[in-house]
Amino acid sequence: MKNMRIIIVGTALMLFLALADFPYAYYQILRWVVCGVAAYSAYNAHEHRSIVWTWIFGVVAILFNPIAPIHFQRETWMTLDVAAAVIFLISLFRHTPHTNQ
């Protein structure tokens, strides 16, 4: 689905924007968005038998899980935000299932 490419780029942009100082509500929304997109991407990767991407997206979904949140210091979250954004952007070129739909 071509819309998925837009969603992934938007999610990556949100993750990069998280490096700025926003109200806590932004980071709560970010958790829901990243977890949802990562979980869907993990499911999509699993359906296309891409084991490595299934695990990568699964770990991202767990790290950003808003229901049972994992707590890190701000500096750690900044690193995780950038890493997750890069993962999403790389997936546009390396993980072909969502780019061909």
N, C-alpha and C. Protein backbone atom coordinates (compact mmCIF):
# COMPACT_ATOMS: atom_id res chain seq x y z
N MET A 1 0.85 -1.17 0.00
CA MET A 1 0.00 0.00 0.00
C MET A 1 0.89 1.24 0.00
N LYS A 2 0.66 2.12 -0.95
CA LYS A 2 1.49 3.32 -1.07
C LYS A 2 1.30 4.25 0.12
N ASN A 3 0.12 4.20 0.75
CA ASN A 3 -0.11 5.03 1.93
C ASN A 3 0.81 4.64 3.07
N MET A 4 1.21 3.37 3.10
CA MET A 4 2.10 2.91 4.17
C MET A 4 3.45 3.62 4.08
N ARG A 5 3.91 3.89 2.89
CA ARG A 5 5.18 4.64 2.74
C ARG A 5 5.06 6.02 3.38
N ILE A 6 3.93 6.68 3.17
CA ILE A 6 3.69 8.00 3.75
C ILE A 6 3.62 7.90 5.27
N ILE A 7 2.96 6.88 5.78
CA ILE A 7 2.86 6.67 7.22
C ILE A 7 4.23 6.43 7.83
N ILE A 8 5.05 5.64 7.16
CA ILE A 8 6.39 5.35 7.68
C ILE A 8 7.25 6.62 7.68
N VAL A 9 7.20 7.39 6.63
CA VAL A 9 7.97 8.64 6.59
C VAL A 9 7.46 9.60 7.67
N GLY A 10 6.16 9.68 7.84
CA GLY A 10 5.59 10.54 8.89
C GLY A 10 6.00 10.10 10.28
N THR A 11 6.03 8.80 10.49
CA THR A 11 6.47 8.26 11.79
C THR A 11 7.93 8.60 12.04
N ALA A 12 8.77 8.43 11.02
CA ALA A 12 10.18 8.77 11.15
C ALA A 12 10.34 10.25 11.46
N LEU A 13 9.57 11.09 10.81
CA LEU A 13 9.63 12.53 11.06
C LEU A 13 9.22 12.84 12.51
N MET A 14 8.17 12.19 12.98
CA MET A 14 7.75 12.37 14.38
C MET A 14 8.86 11.97 15.34
N LEU A 15 9.56 10.88 15.01
CA LEU A 15 10.65 10.43 15.87
C LEU A 15 11.80 11.44 15.88
N PHE A 16 12.13 11.99 14.73
CA PHE A 16 13.18 13.02 14.69
C PHE A 16 12.74 14.28 15.45
N LEU A 17 11.47 14.66 15.32
CA LEU A 17 10.96 15.83 16.04
C LEU A 17 10.98 15.62 17.55
N ALA A 18 10.96 14.37 17.98
CA ALA A 18 10.97 14.07 19.42
C ALA A 18 12.26 14.51 20.09
N LEU A 19 13.28 14.83 19.29
CA LEU A 19 14.54 15.32 19.86
C LEU A 19 14.37 16.72 20.44
N ALA A 20 13.34 17.42 20.00
CA ALA A 20 13.05 18.76 20.54
C ALA A 20 12.33 18.59 21.88
N ASP A 21 12.07 19.68 22.52
CA ASP A 21 11.40 19.66 23.82
C ASP A 21 9.91 19.94 23.63
N PHE A 22 9.11 18.88 23.67
CA PHE A 22 7.66 18.98 23.52
C PHE A 22 6.98 18.63 24.84
N PRO A 23 5.71 18.99 24.98
CA PRO A 23 4.96 18.55 26.16
C PRO A 23 4.89 17.01 26.19
N TYR A 24 4.71 16.47 27.39
CA TYR A 24 4.71 15.02 27.58
C TYR A 24 3.67 14.33 26.70
N ALA A 25 2.56 14.99 26.42
CA ALA A 25 1.50 14.40 25.59
C ALA A 25 2.03 14.00 24.20
N TYR A 26 2.97 14.79 23.66
CA TYR A 26 3.54 14.45 22.35
C TYR A 26 4.22 13.09 22.40
N TYR A 27 4.94 12.83 23.46
CA TYR A 27 5.68 11.58 23.58
C TYR A 27 4.74 10.40 23.83
N GLN A 28 3.63 10.67 24.50
CA GLN A 28 2.61 9.62 24.66
C GLN A 28 1.99 9.26 23.31
N ILE A 29 1.65 10.27 22.52
CA ILE A 29 1.10 10.03 21.18
C ILE A 29 2.14 9.32 20.31
N LEU A 30 3.39 9.76 20.43
CA LEU A 30 4.48 9.14 19.67
C LEU A 30 4.57 7.65 19.97
N ARG A 31 4.45 7.27 21.23
CA ARG A 31 4.49 5.84 21.59
C ARG A 31 3.39 5.06 20.86
N TRP A 32 2.17 5.60 20.86
CA TRP A 32 1.06 4.92 20.20
C TRP A 32 1.31 4.78 18.69
N VAL A 33 1.77 5.86 18.09
CA VAL A 33 2.01 5.85 16.64
C VAL A 33 3.13 4.87 16.29
N VAL A 34 4.28 4.99 16.96
CA VAL A 34 5.43 4.14 16.65
C VAL A 34 5.10 2.67 16.93
N CYS A 35 4.47 2.41 18.05
CA CYS A 35 4.11 1.02 18.37
C CYS A 35 3.16 0.45 17.32
N GLY A 36 2.16 1.22 16.95
CA GLY A 36 1.19 0.74 15.95
C GLY A 36 1.82 0.49 14.59
N VAL A 37 2.63 1.43 14.13
CA VAL A 37 3.27 1.29 12.82
C VAL A 37 4.27 0.14 12.85
N ALA A 38 5.02 0.03 13.93
CA ALA A 38 6.00 -1.06 14.05
C ALA A 38 5.30 -2.42 14.13
N ALA A 39 4.21 -2.49 14.89
CA ALA A 39 3.48 -3.76 15.01
C ALA A 39 2.90 -4.17 13.66
N TYR A 40 2.31 -3.22 12.95
CA TYR A 40 1.78 -3.53 11.63
C TYR A 40 2.90 -3.95 10.68
N SER A 41 4.03 -3.26 10.75
CA SER A 41 5.16 -3.59 9.88
C SER A 41 5.72 -4.97 10.23
N ALA A 42 5.73 -5.32 11.52
CA ALA A 42 6.18 -6.66 11.93
C ALA A 42 5.23 -7.72 11.37
N TYR A 43 3.93 -7.47 11.47
CA TYR A 43 2.94 -8.39 10.92
C TYR A 43 3.13 -8.54 9.40
N ASN A 44 3.30 -7.42 8.73
CA ASN A 44 3.49 -7.42 7.28
C ASN A 44 4.77 -8.19 6.91
N ALA A 45 5.84 -7.96 7.66
CA ALA A 45 7.10 -8.68 7.40
C ALA A 45 6.92 -10.17 7.64
N HIS A 46 6.19 -10.52 8.68
CA HIS A 46 5.92 -11.94 8.96
C HIS A 46 5.13 -12.59 7.83
N GLU A 47 4.13 -11.89 7.35
CA GLU A 47 3.32 -12.41 6.24
C GLU A 47 4.15 -12.64 4.98
N HIS A 48 5.21 -11.86 4.83
CA HIS A 48 6.08 -12.00 3.66
C HIS A 48 7.35 -12.79 3.97
N ARG A 49 7.32 -13.48 5.12
CA ARG A 49 8.40 -14.38 5.53
C ARG A 49 9.76 -13.68 5.64
N SER A 50 9.74 -12.45 6.08
CA SER A 50 10.97 -11.70 6.31
C SER A 50 11.26 -11.72 7.81
N ILE A 51 11.96 -12.77 8.24
CA ILE A 51 12.18 -13.01 9.66
C ILE A 51 12.95 -11.87 10.33
N VAL A 52 14.01 -11.39 9.68
CA VAL A 52 14.83 -10.33 10.28
C VAL A 52 14.01 -9.08 10.51
N TRP A 53 13.23 -8.65 9.51
CA TRP A 53 12.41 -7.45 9.67
C TRP A 53 11.28 -7.67 10.67
N THR A 54 10.76 -8.89 10.75
CA THR A 54 9.74 -9.18 11.76
C THR A 54 10.30 -8.93 13.15
N TRP A 55 11.50 -9.41 13.41
CA TRP A 55 12.14 -9.20 14.71
C TRP A 55 12.48 -7.74 14.95
N ILE A 56 13.01 -7.08 13.96
CA ILE A 56 13.38 -5.67 14.11
C ILE A 56 12.15 -4.83 14.48
N PHE A 57 11.09 -4.98 13.70
CA PHE A 57 9.88 -4.20 13.97
C PHE A 57 9.23 -4.63 15.28
N GLY A 58 9.32 -5.91 15.61
CA GLY A 58 8.78 -6.40 16.88
C GLY A 58 9.47 -5.76 18.07
N VAL A 59 10.79 -5.65 18.01
CA VAL A 59 11.54 -5.02 19.09
C VAL A 59 11.17 -3.54 19.20
N VAL A 60 11.05 -2.86 18.07
CA VAL A 60 10.65 -1.44 18.09
C VAL A 60 9.26 -1.30 18.72
N ALA A 61 8.33 -2.18 18.35
CA ALA A 61 6.98 -2.12 18.92
C ALA A 61 7.01 -2.32 20.43
N ILE A 62 7.83 -3.24 20.90
CA ILE A 62 7.93 -3.50 22.34
C ILE A 62 8.54 -2.30 23.07
N LEU A 63 9.60 -1.72 22.50
CA LEU A 63 10.25 -0.58 23.14
C LEU A 63 9.32 0.63 23.27
N PHE A 64 8.46 0.82 22.28
CA PHE A 64 7.57 1.98 22.27
C PHE A 64 6.16 1.65 22.75
N ASN A 65 5.97 0.48 23.33
CA ASN A 65 4.66 0.03 23.79
C ASN A 65 4.07 1.02 24.81
N PRO A 66 2.91 1.60 24.50
CA PRO A 66 2.32 2.59 25.40
C PRO A 66 1.53 1.96 26.56
N ILE A 67 1.18 0.69 26.46
CA ILE A 67 0.36 0.05 27.48
C ILE A 67 1.20 -0.42 28.67
N ALA A 68 2.36 -0.99 28.38
CA ALA A 68 3.31 -1.39 29.42
C ALA A 68 4.64 -0.70 29.10
N PRO A 69 4.70 0.60 29.35
CA PRO A 69 5.87 1.38 28.91
C PRO A 69 7.17 0.97 29.60
N ILE A 70 8.22 1.06 28.84
CA ILE A 70 9.57 0.87 29.36
C ILE A 70 10.11 2.27 29.60
N HIS A 71 10.69 2.48 30.77
CA HIS A 71 11.16 3.82 31.13
C HIS A 71 12.68 3.91 31.00
N PHE A 72 13.12 4.90 30.25
CA PHE A 72 14.54 5.20 30.08
C PHE A 72 14.75 6.68 30.37
N GLN A 73 16.01 7.07 30.54
CA GLN A 73 16.31 8.49 30.68
C GLN A 73 16.17 9.17 29.33
N ARG A 74 16.03 10.47 29.35
CA ARG A 74 15.80 11.24 28.12
C ARG A 74 16.89 11.00 27.07
N GLU A 75 18.14 10.96 27.49
CA GLU A 75 19.24 10.76 26.54
C GLU A 75 19.11 9.40 25.85
N THR A 76 18.70 8.39 26.58
CA THR A 76 18.51 7.06 26.00
C THR A 76 17.37 7.10 24.99
N TRP A 77 16.27 7.77 25.36
CA TRP A 77 15.14 7.88 24.44
C TRP A 77 15.52 8.61 23.17
N MET A 78 16.36 9.61 23.30
CA MET A 78 16.79 10.36 22.11
C MET A 78 17.54 9.43 21.15
N THR A 79 18.38 8.59 21.69
CA THR A 79 19.11 7.61 20.86
C THR A 79 18.14 6.62 20.24
N LEU A 80 17.18 6.12 21.03
CA LEU A 80 16.20 5.16 20.51
C LEU A 80 15.30 5.80 19.45
N ASP A 81 14.95 7.07 19.65
CA ASP A 81 14.12 7.77 18.66
C ASP A 81 14.83 7.85 17.31
N VAL A 82 16.10 8.24 17.34
CA VAL A 82 16.87 8.33 16.09
C VAL A 82 17.04 6.95 15.47
N ALA A 83 17.36 5.96 16.29
CA ALA A 83 17.55 4.59 15.77
C ALA A 83 16.26 4.07 15.13
N ALA A 84 15.14 4.28 15.79
CA ALA A 84 13.86 3.82 15.24
C ALA A 84 13.53 4.55 13.94
N ALA A 85 13.78 5.86 13.90
CA ALA A 85 13.53 6.62 12.67
C ALA A 85 14.37 6.09 11.52
N VAL A 86 15.63 5.82 11.80
CA VAL A 86 16.52 5.29 10.76
C VAL A 86 16.04 3.90 10.31
N ILE A 87 15.61 3.08 11.25
CA ILE A 87 15.09 1.76 10.90
C ILE A 87 13.89 1.89 9.97
N PHE A 88 12.96 2.77 10.31
CA PHE A 88 11.79 2.96 9.45
C PHE A 88 12.20 3.43 8.05
N LEU A 89 13.12 4.37 8.00
CA LEU A 89 13.54 4.89 6.69
C LEU A 89 14.30 3.83 5.88
N ILE A 90 15.15 3.07 6.52
CA ILE A 90 15.86 1.99 5.82
C ILE A 90 14.86 0.96 5.30
N SER A 91 13.83 0.70 6.09
CA SER A 91 12.84 -0.31 5.68
C SER A 91 12.14 0.06 4.38
N LEU A 92 12.08 1.35 4.07
CA LEU A 92 11.46 1.76 2.81
C LEU A 92 12.23 1.22 1.60
N PHE A 93 13.53 1.01 1.79
CA PHE A 93 14.37 0.55 0.68
C PHE A 93 14.75 -0.92 0.79
N ARG A 94 14.84 -1.44 2.00
CA ARG A 94 15.30 -2.81 2.22
C ARG A 94 14.18 -3.81 2.42
N HIS A 95 13.11 -3.38 3.06
CA HIS A 95 11.98 -4.28 3.34
C HIS A 95 10.92 -4.01 2.28
N THR A 96 10.96 -4.75 1.21
CA THR A 96 10.14 -4.45 0.05
C THR A 96 8.64 -4.70 0.15
N PRO A 97 8.12 -5.58 1.04
CA PRO A 97 6.68 -5.83 1.00
C PRO A 97 5.80 -4.61 1.11
N HIS A 98 6.09 -3.68 2.01
CA HIS A 98 5.18 -2.53 2.13
C HIS A 98 5.44 -1.50 1.04
N THR A 99 6.54 -1.61 0.30
CA THR A 99 6.77 -0.65 -0.77
C THR A 99 6.16 -1.13 -2.08
N ASN A 100 5.84 -2.40 -2.19
CA ASN A 100 5.28 -2.94 -3.43
C ASN A 100 3.76 -3.03 -3.40
N GLN A 101 3.17 -2.75 -2.27
CA GLN A 101 1.72 -2.90 -2.17
C GLN A 101 1.01 -1.64 -2.56
